[in-house]
Amino acid sequence: MHIGQGTVIGAGVVVYPNVKIGKNCIIEANTVLGNAGFGVVKNRSGNWMIPHVGGVIIGNNVRVGALTTIDRATIGSTIIGNFCKIDDKVHIAHNSVIGERNIICAGANVGGSVTIGDDCWLGLGCNIMQKVYVGDRTTIGIGANVFHDTYRQANMIGYPAKKMPGSQ
């Protein structure tokens, strides 16, 4: 575990091994960083949990809101880029890569192995399906459910999420 200079850790925060937190971050109360992800494979003898032995890397100047969970990767790292602002009660699953300067609003759920570009806005309570790519400068609307890749500067709304009329 590594915690960078100037980082503030709130009450009740749990930081597992293999977590690296950059400089000047704020980790709000009761957040959990680096817990095992929920990877399950169904086989003939039942369900089998996939081991998660990776880590979490949080860049510099990141704010992580209260009651947020960021799961460690299966192998490698779940990554949160510099200058991201993550609101309360957000879940970021294993192996996700969040670019820089993103805003992730309360209640958002980011599935496993999701890649989010830079300068994106994820609206309140949105859900992003596992293994989806979200391009730079994309906006995901409040409550939207994203099941497919999006491209640069998309404005996605609805269930299932579709490009907002007039967006690129």
N, C-alpha and C. Protein backbone atom coordinates (compact mmCIF):
# COMPACT_ATOMS: atom_id res chain seq x y z
N MET A 1 0.84 -1.18 0.00
CA MET A 1 0.00 0.00 0.00
C MET A 1 0.89 1.25 0.00
N HIS A 2 0.50 2.23 -0.79
CA HIS A 2 1.22 3.49 -0.84
C HIS A 2 0.19 4.62 -0.84
N ILE A 3 0.39 5.60 0.01
CA ILE A 3 -0.49 6.77 0.07
C ILE A 3 0.39 8.00 -0.14
N GLY A 4 0.09 8.77 -1.19
CA GLY A 4 0.90 9.92 -1.56
C GLY A 4 0.79 11.10 -0.60
N GLN A 5 1.76 11.97 -0.68
CA GLN A 5 1.84 13.16 0.16
C GLN A 5 0.61 14.04 -0.04
N GLY A 6 0.08 14.55 1.05
CA GLY A 6 -1.05 15.47 1.01
C GLY A 6 -2.40 14.80 0.85
N THR A 7 -2.43 13.48 0.81
CA THR A 7 -3.70 12.75 0.68
C THR A 7 -4.38 12.65 2.03
N VAL A 8 -5.69 12.83 2.04
CA VAL A 8 -6.50 12.77 3.26
C VAL A 8 -7.41 11.55 3.17
N ILE A 9 -7.36 10.72 4.20
CA ILE A 9 -8.16 9.50 4.26
C ILE A 9 -9.22 9.69 5.34
N GLY A 10 -10.50 9.54 4.98
CA GLY A 10 -11.60 9.74 5.92
C GLY A 10 -11.79 8.58 6.88
N ALA A 11 -12.68 8.78 7.83
CA ALA A 11 -12.97 7.78 8.86
C ALA A 11 -13.57 6.53 8.24
N GLY A 12 -13.14 5.38 8.72
CA GLY A 12 -13.73 4.11 8.32
C GLY A 12 -13.33 3.62 6.94
N VAL A 13 -12.38 4.27 6.29
CA VAL A 13 -11.94 3.84 4.96
C VAL A 13 -11.13 2.55 5.10
N VAL A 14 -11.37 1.60 4.18
CA VAL A 14 -10.61 0.36 4.14
C VAL A 14 -9.75 0.39 2.88
N VAL A 15 -8.43 0.22 3.08
CA VAL A 15 -7.49 0.18 1.96
C VAL A 15 -6.79 -1.18 2.02
N TYR A 16 -7.06 -2.01 1.02
CA TYR A 16 -6.44 -3.34 0.95
C TYR A 16 -5.01 -3.24 0.43
N PRO A 17 -4.24 -4.34 0.56
CA PRO A 17 -2.90 -4.36 -0.02
C PRO A 17 -2.97 -4.15 -1.54
N ASN A 18 -1.86 -3.80 -2.15
CA ASN A 18 -1.75 -3.56 -3.59
C ASN A 18 -2.58 -2.37 -4.07
N VAL A 19 -2.75 -1.39 -3.20
CA VAL A 19 -3.43 -0.15 -3.58
C VAL A 19 -2.42 0.98 -3.52
N LYS A 20 -2.37 1.77 -4.58
CA LYS A 20 -1.49 2.94 -4.62
C LYS A 20 -2.37 4.17 -4.82
N ILE A 21 -2.29 5.12 -3.89
CA ILE A 21 -3.06 6.36 -3.96
C ILE A 21 -2.08 7.50 -4.18
N GLY A 22 -2.34 8.32 -5.18
CA GLY A 22 -1.44 9.41 -5.52
C GLY A 22 -1.45 10.57 -4.53
N LYS A 23 -0.84 11.66 -4.94
CA LYS A 23 -0.71 12.86 -4.11
C LYS A 23 -2.00 13.68 -4.12
N ASN A 24 -2.24 14.37 -2.99
CA ASN A 24 -3.31 15.36 -2.86
C ASN A 24 -4.70 14.81 -3.19
N CYS A 25 -4.95 13.58 -2.78
CA CYS A 25 -6.26 12.97 -2.98
C CYS A 25 -7.10 13.13 -1.72
N ILE A 26 -8.40 12.99 -1.89
CA ILE A 26 -9.33 12.95 -0.75
C ILE A 26 -10.13 11.67 -0.90
N ILE A 27 -10.07 10.83 0.12
CA ILE A 27 -10.84 9.59 0.14
C ILE A 27 -11.83 9.74 1.30
N GLU A 28 -13.10 9.87 0.96
CA GLU A 28 -14.13 10.16 1.97
C GLU A 28 -14.49 8.92 2.79
N ALA A 29 -15.25 9.13 3.85
CA ALA A 29 -15.57 8.12 4.86
C ALA A 29 -16.18 6.84 4.28
N ASN A 30 -15.78 5.73 4.89
CA ASN A 30 -16.35 4.41 4.63
C ASN A 30 -16.20 3.91 3.20
N THR A 31 -15.23 4.41 2.49
CA THR A 31 -14.92 3.93 1.16
C THR A 31 -14.06 2.68 1.28
N VAL A 32 -14.17 1.78 0.29
CA VAL A 32 -13.39 0.55 0.27
C VAL A 32 -12.59 0.52 -1.02
N LEU A 33 -11.27 0.45 -0.90
CA LEU A 33 -10.37 0.44 -2.05
C LEU A 33 -9.62 -0.88 -2.11
N GLY A 34 -9.77 -1.61 -3.20
CA GLY A 34 -8.97 -2.80 -3.42
C GLY A 34 -9.58 -4.10 -2.94
N ASN A 35 -10.88 -4.11 -2.66
CA ASN A 35 -11.50 -5.38 -2.31
C ASN A 35 -11.61 -6.27 -3.55
N ALA A 36 -11.85 -7.57 -3.34
CA ALA A 36 -11.94 -8.50 -4.46
C ALA A 36 -13.16 -8.20 -5.31
N GLY A 37 -13.00 -8.30 -6.61
CA GLY A 37 -14.12 -8.13 -7.53
C GLY A 37 -15.02 -9.35 -7.52
N PHE A 38 -16.11 -9.25 -8.26
CA PHE A 38 -17.12 -10.31 -8.31
C PHE A 38 -17.06 -10.99 -9.67
N GLY A 39 -16.01 -11.74 -9.89
CA GLY A 39 -15.86 -12.49 -11.13
C GLY A 39 -16.27 -13.93 -10.91
N VAL A 40 -17.27 -14.38 -11.64
CA VAL A 40 -17.80 -15.72 -11.44
C VAL A 40 -17.82 -16.44 -12.79
N VAL A 41 -17.38 -17.71 -12.78
CA VAL A 41 -17.46 -18.56 -13.95
C VAL A 41 -18.34 -19.74 -13.60
N LYS A 42 -19.30 -20.03 -14.47
CA LYS A 42 -20.16 -21.19 -14.23
C LYS A 42 -19.52 -22.40 -14.92
N ASN A 43 -19.38 -23.47 -14.16
CA ASN A 43 -18.83 -24.69 -14.73
C ASN A 43 -19.72 -25.87 -14.33
N ARG A 44 -19.35 -27.06 -14.72
CA ARG A 44 -20.19 -28.24 -14.48
C ARG A 44 -20.42 -28.54 -13.01
N SER A 45 -19.47 -28.20 -12.17
CA SER A 45 -19.61 -28.50 -10.74
C SER A 45 -20.19 -27.34 -9.94
N GLY A 46 -20.62 -26.30 -10.62
CA GLY A 46 -21.21 -25.16 -9.93
C GLY A 46 -20.52 -23.86 -10.31
N ASN A 47 -20.66 -22.86 -9.48
CA ASN A 47 -20.04 -21.56 -9.74
C ASN A 47 -18.67 -21.49 -9.07
N TRP A 48 -17.75 -20.83 -9.74
CA TRP A 48 -16.39 -20.70 -9.24
C TRP A 48 -15.98 -19.24 -9.29
N MET A 49 -15.55 -18.72 -8.17
CA MET A 49 -15.09 -17.33 -8.10
C MET A 49 -13.70 -17.21 -8.71
N ILE A 50 -13.51 -16.25 -9.58
CA ILE A 50 -12.21 -16.00 -10.18
C ILE A 50 -11.35 -15.24 -9.17
N PRO A 51 -10.14 -15.71 -8.90
CA PRO A 51 -9.27 -14.98 -7.96
C PRO A 51 -8.92 -13.59 -8.48
N HIS A 52 -8.88 -12.63 -7.59
CA HIS A 52 -8.49 -11.27 -7.92
C HIS A 52 -7.22 -10.96 -7.14
N VAL A 53 -6.09 -10.98 -7.83
CA VAL A 53 -4.80 -10.81 -7.17
C VAL A 53 -4.12 -9.50 -7.57
N GLY A 54 -4.79 -8.69 -8.37
CA GLY A 54 -4.21 -7.43 -8.84
C GLY A 54 -4.34 -6.33 -7.82
N GLY A 55 -4.29 -5.09 -8.30
CA GLY A 55 -4.33 -3.94 -7.40
C GLY A 55 -5.21 -2.83 -7.91
N VAL A 56 -5.06 -1.68 -7.28
CA VAL A 56 -5.75 -0.44 -7.65
C VAL A 56 -4.71 0.66 -7.69
N ILE A 57 -4.76 1.48 -8.73
CA ILE A 57 -3.90 2.66 -8.82
C ILE A 57 -4.81 3.88 -8.95
N ILE A 58 -4.68 4.80 -8.01
CA ILE A 58 -5.44 6.06 -8.04
C ILE A 58 -4.44 7.18 -8.28
N GLY A 59 -4.70 7.98 -9.31
CA GLY A 59 -3.78 9.05 -9.68
C GLY A 59 -3.74 10.18 -8.68
N ASN A 60 -3.18 11.30 -9.08
CA ASN A 60 -3.05 12.48 -8.23
C ASN A 60 -4.30 13.36 -8.31
N ASN A 61 -4.58 14.07 -7.22
CA ASN A 61 -5.67 15.05 -7.16
C ASN A 61 -7.03 14.43 -7.47
N VAL A 62 -7.26 13.24 -6.95
CA VAL A 62 -8.52 12.52 -7.14
C VAL A 62 -9.34 12.64 -5.87
N ARG A 63 -10.65 12.81 -6.03
CA ARG A 63 -11.57 12.78 -4.90
C ARG A 63 -12.45 11.56 -5.06
N VAL A 64 -12.53 10.74 -4.02
CA VAL A 64 -13.39 9.57 -4.01
C VAL A 64 -14.40 9.77 -2.89
N GLY A 65 -15.68 9.80 -3.23
CA GLY A 65 -16.74 10.08 -2.28
C GLY A 65 -16.99 8.95 -1.29
N ALA A 66 -17.80 9.26 -0.29
CA ALA A 66 -18.13 8.32 0.77
C ALA A 66 -18.87 7.11 0.23
N LEU A 67 -18.62 5.98 0.88
CA LEU A 67 -19.32 4.72 0.59
C LEU A 67 -19.10 4.23 -0.83
N THR A 68 -17.98 4.58 -1.42
CA THR A 68 -17.63 4.14 -2.77
C THR A 68 -16.76 2.89 -2.69
N THR A 69 -16.89 2.01 -3.68
CA THR A 69 -16.02 0.84 -3.75
C THR A 69 -15.29 0.82 -5.09
N ILE A 70 -14.02 0.54 -5.02
CA ILE A 70 -13.20 0.36 -6.22
C ILE A 70 -12.50 -0.98 -6.05
N ASP A 71 -12.89 -1.96 -6.89
CA ASP A 71 -12.38 -3.32 -6.78
C ASP A 71 -10.99 -3.46 -7.39
N ARG A 72 -10.20 -4.34 -6.81
CA ARG A 72 -8.89 -4.65 -7.38
C ARG A 72 -9.07 -5.50 -8.64
N ALA A 73 -8.06 -5.49 -9.48
CA ALA A 73 -8.09 -6.23 -10.74
C ALA A 73 -7.85 -7.71 -10.50
N THR A 74 -8.25 -8.51 -11.50
CA THR A 74 -7.92 -9.93 -11.44
C THR A 74 -6.41 -10.09 -11.53
N ILE A 75 -5.83 -9.49 -12.55
CA ILE A 75 -4.38 -9.40 -12.75
C ILE A 75 -4.14 -7.99 -13.26
N GLY A 76 -3.09 -7.36 -12.86
CA GLY A 76 -2.86 -5.98 -13.26
C GLY A 76 -3.52 -5.03 -12.29
N SER A 77 -4.07 -3.92 -12.81
CA SER A 77 -4.63 -2.90 -11.91
C SER A 77 -5.92 -2.30 -12.44
N THR A 78 -6.81 -1.98 -11.52
CA THR A 78 -7.93 -1.09 -11.78
C THR A 78 -7.33 0.31 -11.64
N ILE A 79 -7.60 1.20 -12.60
CA ILE A 79 -6.90 2.49 -12.63
C ILE A 79 -7.89 3.65 -12.65
N ILE A 80 -7.62 4.63 -11.79
CA ILE A 80 -8.38 5.89 -11.77
C ILE A 80 -7.38 6.99 -12.12
N GLY A 81 -7.64 7.73 -13.20
CA GLY A 81 -6.70 8.74 -13.68
C GLY A 81 -6.67 10.00 -12.82
N ASN A 82 -5.71 10.85 -13.10
CA ASN A 82 -5.53 12.12 -12.39
C ASN A 82 -6.76 13.02 -12.51
N PHE A 83 -7.02 13.78 -11.46
CA PHE A 83 -8.03 14.83 -11.41
C PHE A 83 -9.46 14.31 -11.57
N CYS A 84 -9.71 13.02 -11.34
CA CYS A 84 -11.08 12.50 -11.38
C CYS A 84 -11.82 12.89 -10.11
N LYS A 85 -13.11 13.12 -10.25
CA LYS A 85 -13.97 13.41 -9.11
C LYS A 85 -15.07 12.36 -9.11
N ILE A 86 -15.07 11.53 -8.07
CA ILE A 86 -16.01 10.43 -7.95
C ILE A 86 -16.90 10.73 -6.75
N ASP A 87 -18.21 10.77 -6.99
CA ASP A 87 -19.19 11.11 -5.97
C ASP A 87 -19.42 9.94 -5.01
N ASP A 88 -20.37 10.08 -4.10
CA ASP A 88 -20.69 9.07 -3.11
C ASP A 88 -21.39 7.86 -3.75
N LYS A 89 -21.22 6.70 -3.11
CA LYS A 89 -21.93 5.46 -3.46
C LYS A 89 -21.74 5.03 -4.91
N VAL A 90 -20.53 5.20 -5.42
CA VAL A 90 -20.18 4.74 -6.77
C VAL A 90 -19.50 3.39 -6.64
N HIS A 91 -19.73 2.51 -7.62
CA HIS A 91 -19.04 1.22 -7.66
C HIS A 91 -18.25 1.13 -8.96
N ILE A 92 -16.95 0.89 -8.85
CA ILE A 92 -16.09 0.69 -10.01
C ILE A 92 -15.51 -0.71 -9.89
N ALA A 93 -15.88 -1.56 -10.84
CA ALA A 93 -15.52 -2.98 -10.77
C ALA A 93 -14.10 -3.23 -11.25
N HIS A 94 -13.67 -4.45 -11.05
CA HIS A 94 -12.31 -4.92 -11.34
C HIS A 94 -11.89 -4.67 -12.79
N ASN A 95 -10.62 -4.36 -12.95
CA ASN A 95 -9.97 -4.18 -14.24
C ASN A 95 -10.45 -2.97 -15.04
N SER A 96 -11.23 -2.10 -14.45
CA SER A 96 -11.66 -0.90 -15.17
C SER A 96 -10.53 0.11 -15.23
N VAL A 97 -10.54 0.90 -16.30
CA VAL A 97 -9.55 1.97 -16.48
C VAL A 97 -10.34 3.25 -16.71
N ILE A 98 -10.21 4.18 -15.78
CA ILE A 98 -10.91 5.46 -15.84
C ILE A 98 -9.87 6.51 -16.21
N GLY A 99 -10.07 7.22 -17.31
CA GLY A 99 -9.11 8.22 -17.76
C GLY A 99 -9.02 9.42 -16.84
N GLU A 100 -8.52 10.52 -17.35
CA GLU A 100 -8.30 11.72 -16.53
C GLU A 100 -9.46 12.71 -16.61
N ARG A 101 -9.61 13.49 -15.53
CA ARG A 101 -10.55 14.60 -15.44
C ARG A 101 -12.01 14.19 -15.63
N ASN A 102 -12.36 13.00 -15.18
CA ASN A 102 -13.73 12.53 -15.30
C ASN A 102 -14.54 12.89 -14.07
N ILE A 103 -15.84 13.08 -14.27
CA ILE A 103 -16.80 13.30 -13.19
C ILE A 103 -17.71 12.09 -13.18
N ILE A 104 -17.78 11.41 -12.03
CA ILE A 104 -18.66 10.25 -11.91
C ILE A 104 -19.62 10.55 -10.76
N CYS A 105 -20.90 10.73 -11.10
CA CYS A 105 -21.90 11.16 -10.12
C CYS A 105 -22.39 10.00 -9.26
N ALA A 106 -23.06 10.35 -8.16
CA ALA A 106 -23.51 9.40 -7.15
C ALA A 106 -24.30 8.25 -7.75
N GLY A 107 -24.05 7.07 -7.21
CA GLY A 107 -24.83 5.89 -7.59
C GLY A 107 -24.46 5.26 -8.91
N ALA A 108 -23.45 5.77 -9.59
CA ALA A 108 -23.04 5.17 -10.87
C ALA A 108 -22.41 3.81 -10.62
N ASN A 109 -22.64 2.89 -11.55
CA ASN A 109 -22.05 1.56 -11.49
C ASN A 109 -21.26 1.32 -12.76
N VAL A 110 -19.98 1.05 -12.61
CA VAL A 110 -19.09 0.81 -13.74
C VAL A 110 -18.70 -0.67 -13.70
N GLY A 111 -19.12 -1.44 -14.70
CA GLY A 111 -18.87 -2.88 -14.74
C GLY A 111 -17.40 -3.20 -14.91
N GLY A 112 -17.08 -4.48 -14.77
CA GLY A 112 -15.71 -4.94 -14.89
C GLY A 112 -15.13 -4.73 -16.28
N SER A 113 -13.85 -4.41 -16.32
CA SER A 113 -13.10 -4.24 -17.56
C SER A 113 -13.66 -3.14 -18.47
N VAL A 114 -14.26 -2.14 -17.89
CA VAL A 114 -14.74 -0.96 -18.64
C VAL A 114 -13.57 -0.01 -18.82
N THR A 115 -13.50 0.64 -19.98
CA THR A 115 -12.51 1.68 -20.23
C THR A 115 -13.26 2.97 -20.50
N ILE A 116 -12.93 4.00 -19.74
CA ILE A 116 -13.54 5.33 -19.91
C ILE A 116 -12.43 6.29 -20.28
N GLY A 117 -12.64 7.03 -21.37
CA GLY A 117 -11.64 7.98 -21.84
C GLY A 117 -11.48 9.15 -20.88
N ASP A 118 -11.00 10.27 -21.41
CA ASP A 118 -10.77 11.48 -20.62
C ASP A 118 -11.95 12.45 -20.74
N ASP A 119 -12.13 13.28 -19.72
CA ASP A 119 -13.10 14.39 -19.74
C ASP A 119 -14.53 13.93 -19.94
N CYS A 120 -14.91 12.81 -19.33
CA CYS A 120 -16.27 12.29 -19.44
C CYS A 120 -17.09 12.68 -18.21
N TRP A 121 -18.40 12.64 -18.39
CA TRP A 121 -19.35 12.92 -17.31
C TRP A 121 -20.30 11.73 -17.24
N LEU A 122 -20.31 11.01 -16.11
CA LEU A 122 -21.23 9.90 -15.90
C LEU A 122 -22.30 10.36 -14.94
N GLY A 123 -23.53 10.41 -15.42
CA GLY A 123 -24.65 10.96 -14.66
C GLY A 123 -25.08 10.10 -13.49
N LEU A 124 -25.85 10.72 -12.63
CA LEU A 124 -26.39 10.12 -11.43
C LEU A 124 -27.06 8.78 -11.74
N GLY A 125 -26.63 7.73 -11.07
CA GLY A 125 -27.28 6.44 -11.16
C GLY A 125 -27.15 5.72 -12.50
N CYS A 126 -26.20 6.09 -13.33
CA CYS A 126 -26.05 5.39 -14.61
C CYS A 126 -25.36 4.04 -14.38
N ASN A 127 -25.50 3.17 -15.36
CA ASN A 127 -24.88 1.84 -15.31
C ASN A 127 -24.15 1.59 -16.61
N ILE A 128 -22.93 1.12 -16.51
CA ILE A 128 -22.14 0.81 -17.69
C ILE A 128 -21.79 -0.67 -17.64
N MET A 129 -22.27 -1.42 -18.62
CA MET A 129 -22.07 -2.86 -18.72
C MET A 129 -20.59 -3.20 -18.81
N GLN A 130 -20.20 -4.38 -18.33
CA GLN A 130 -18.80 -4.79 -18.37
C GLN A 130 -18.26 -4.81 -19.79
N LYS A 131 -16.96 -4.53 -19.88
CA LYS A 131 -16.18 -4.55 -21.12
C LYS A 131 -16.59 -3.50 -22.15
N VAL A 132 -17.28 -2.45 -21.72
CA VAL A 132 -17.68 -1.37 -22.62
C VAL A 132 -16.59 -0.31 -22.66
N TYR A 133 -16.43 0.30 -23.83
CA TYR A 133 -15.50 1.42 -24.02
C TYR A 133 -16.32 2.69 -24.15
N VAL A 134 -15.96 3.71 -23.35
CA VAL A 134 -16.61 5.02 -23.40
C VAL A 134 -15.56 6.02 -23.88
N GLY A 135 -15.80 6.63 -25.04
CA GLY A 135 -14.83 7.53 -25.65
C GLY A 135 -14.67 8.85 -24.90
N ASP A 136 -13.59 9.55 -25.19
CA ASP A 136 -13.30 10.86 -24.59
C ASP A 136 -14.49 11.82 -24.75
N ARG A 137 -14.66 12.67 -23.75
CA ARG A 137 -15.65 13.75 -23.75
C ARG A 137 -17.09 13.28 -23.94
N THR A 138 -17.36 12.07 -23.49
CA THR A 138 -18.72 11.53 -23.58
C THR A 138 -19.49 11.89 -22.32
N THR A 139 -20.78 12.13 -22.49
CA THR A 139 -21.69 12.37 -21.38
C THR A 139 -22.69 11.23 -21.34
N ILE A 140 -22.80 10.59 -20.17
CA ILE A 140 -23.78 9.54 -19.94
C ILE A 140 -24.86 10.15 -19.05
N GLY A 141 -26.10 10.17 -19.53
CA GLY A 141 -27.19 10.83 -18.82
C GLY A 141 -27.59 10.15 -17.53
N ILE A 142 -28.37 10.86 -16.74
CA ILE A 142 -28.88 10.35 -15.47
C ILE A 142 -29.66 9.07 -15.72
N GLY A 143 -29.30 8.01 -15.02
CA GLY A 143 -30.02 6.74 -15.09
C GLY A 143 -29.83 5.96 -16.38
N ALA A 144 -28.96 6.41 -17.26
CA ALA A 144 -28.75 5.71 -18.53
C ALA A 144 -28.09 4.35 -18.29
N ASN A 145 -28.38 3.41 -19.16
CA ASN A 145 -27.79 2.08 -19.09
C ASN A 145 -27.05 1.82 -20.39
N VAL A 146 -25.74 1.77 -20.30
CA VAL A 146 -24.89 1.68 -21.49
C VAL A 146 -24.47 0.22 -21.68
N PHE A 147 -24.90 -0.37 -22.81
CA PHE A 147 -24.61 -1.76 -23.12
C PHE A 147 -23.59 -1.92 -24.24
N HIS A 148 -23.28 -0.85 -24.97
CA HIS A 148 -22.39 -0.92 -26.12
C HIS A 148 -21.37 0.20 -26.06
N ASP A 149 -20.27 0.02 -26.78
CA ASP A 149 -19.23 1.05 -26.85
C ASP A 149 -19.80 2.37 -27.33
N THR A 150 -19.23 3.45 -26.82
CA THR A 150 -19.58 4.78 -27.30
C THR A 150 -18.32 5.41 -27.88
N TYR A 151 -18.48 6.42 -28.66
CA TYR A 151 -17.34 7.04 -29.29
C TYR A 151 -17.20 8.47 -28.81
N ARG A 152 -16.13 9.10 -29.21
CA ARG A 152 -15.77 10.44 -28.75
C ARG A 152 -16.95 11.40 -28.81
N GLN A 153 -17.15 12.13 -27.74
CA GLN A 153 -18.13 13.21 -27.61
C GLN A 153 -19.58 12.76 -27.79
N ALA A 154 -19.88 11.52 -27.47
CA ALA A 154 -21.26 11.05 -27.55
C ALA A 154 -22.04 11.58 -26.34
N ASN A 155 -23.32 11.82 -26.53
CA ASN A 155 -24.23 12.16 -25.44
C ASN A 155 -25.26 11.04 -25.38
N MET A 156 -25.16 10.20 -24.36
CA MET A 156 -25.97 8.99 -24.27
C MET A 156 -27.06 9.15 -23.22
N ILE A 157 -28.31 8.77 -23.59
CA ILE A 157 -29.43 8.85 -22.66
C ILE A 157 -30.30 7.61 -22.81
N GLY A 158 -31.02 7.26 -21.76
CA GLY A 158 -32.06 6.25 -21.83
C GLY A 158 -31.66 4.84 -21.46
N TYR A 159 -32.66 3.94 -21.65
CA TYR A 159 -32.49 2.53 -21.37
C TYR A 159 -33.08 1.72 -22.53
N PRO A 160 -32.28 1.04 -23.32
CA PRO A 160 -30.82 1.11 -23.32
C PRO A 160 -30.36 2.47 -23.83
N ALA A 161 -29.16 2.87 -23.43
CA ALA A 161 -28.66 4.20 -23.80
C ALA A 161 -28.48 4.29 -25.31
N LYS A 162 -28.93 5.42 -25.84
CA LYS A 162 -28.77 5.74 -27.25
C LYS A 162 -28.24 7.15 -27.35
N LYS A 163 -27.64 7.45 -28.49
CA LYS A 163 -27.14 8.81 -28.70
C LYS A 163 -28.31 9.79 -28.67
N MET A 164 -28.10 10.88 -27.97
CA MET A 164 -29.10 11.93 -27.91
C MET A 164 -29.18 12.58 -29.29
N PRO A 165 -30.39 12.83 -29.79
CA PRO A 165 -30.50 13.51 -31.08
C PRO A 165 -29.68 14.80 -31.12
N GLY A 166 -28.95 14.98 -32.19
CA GLY A 166 -28.13 16.18 -32.35
C GLY A 166 -26.72 16.03 -31.84
N SER A 167 -26.41 14.90 -31.13
CA SER A 167 -25.02 14.71 -30.66
C SER A 167 -24.23 14.06 -31.78
N GLN A 168 -22.91 14.12 -31.67
CA GLN A 168 -22.04 13.57 -32.71
C GLN A 168 -22.10 12.07 -32.77
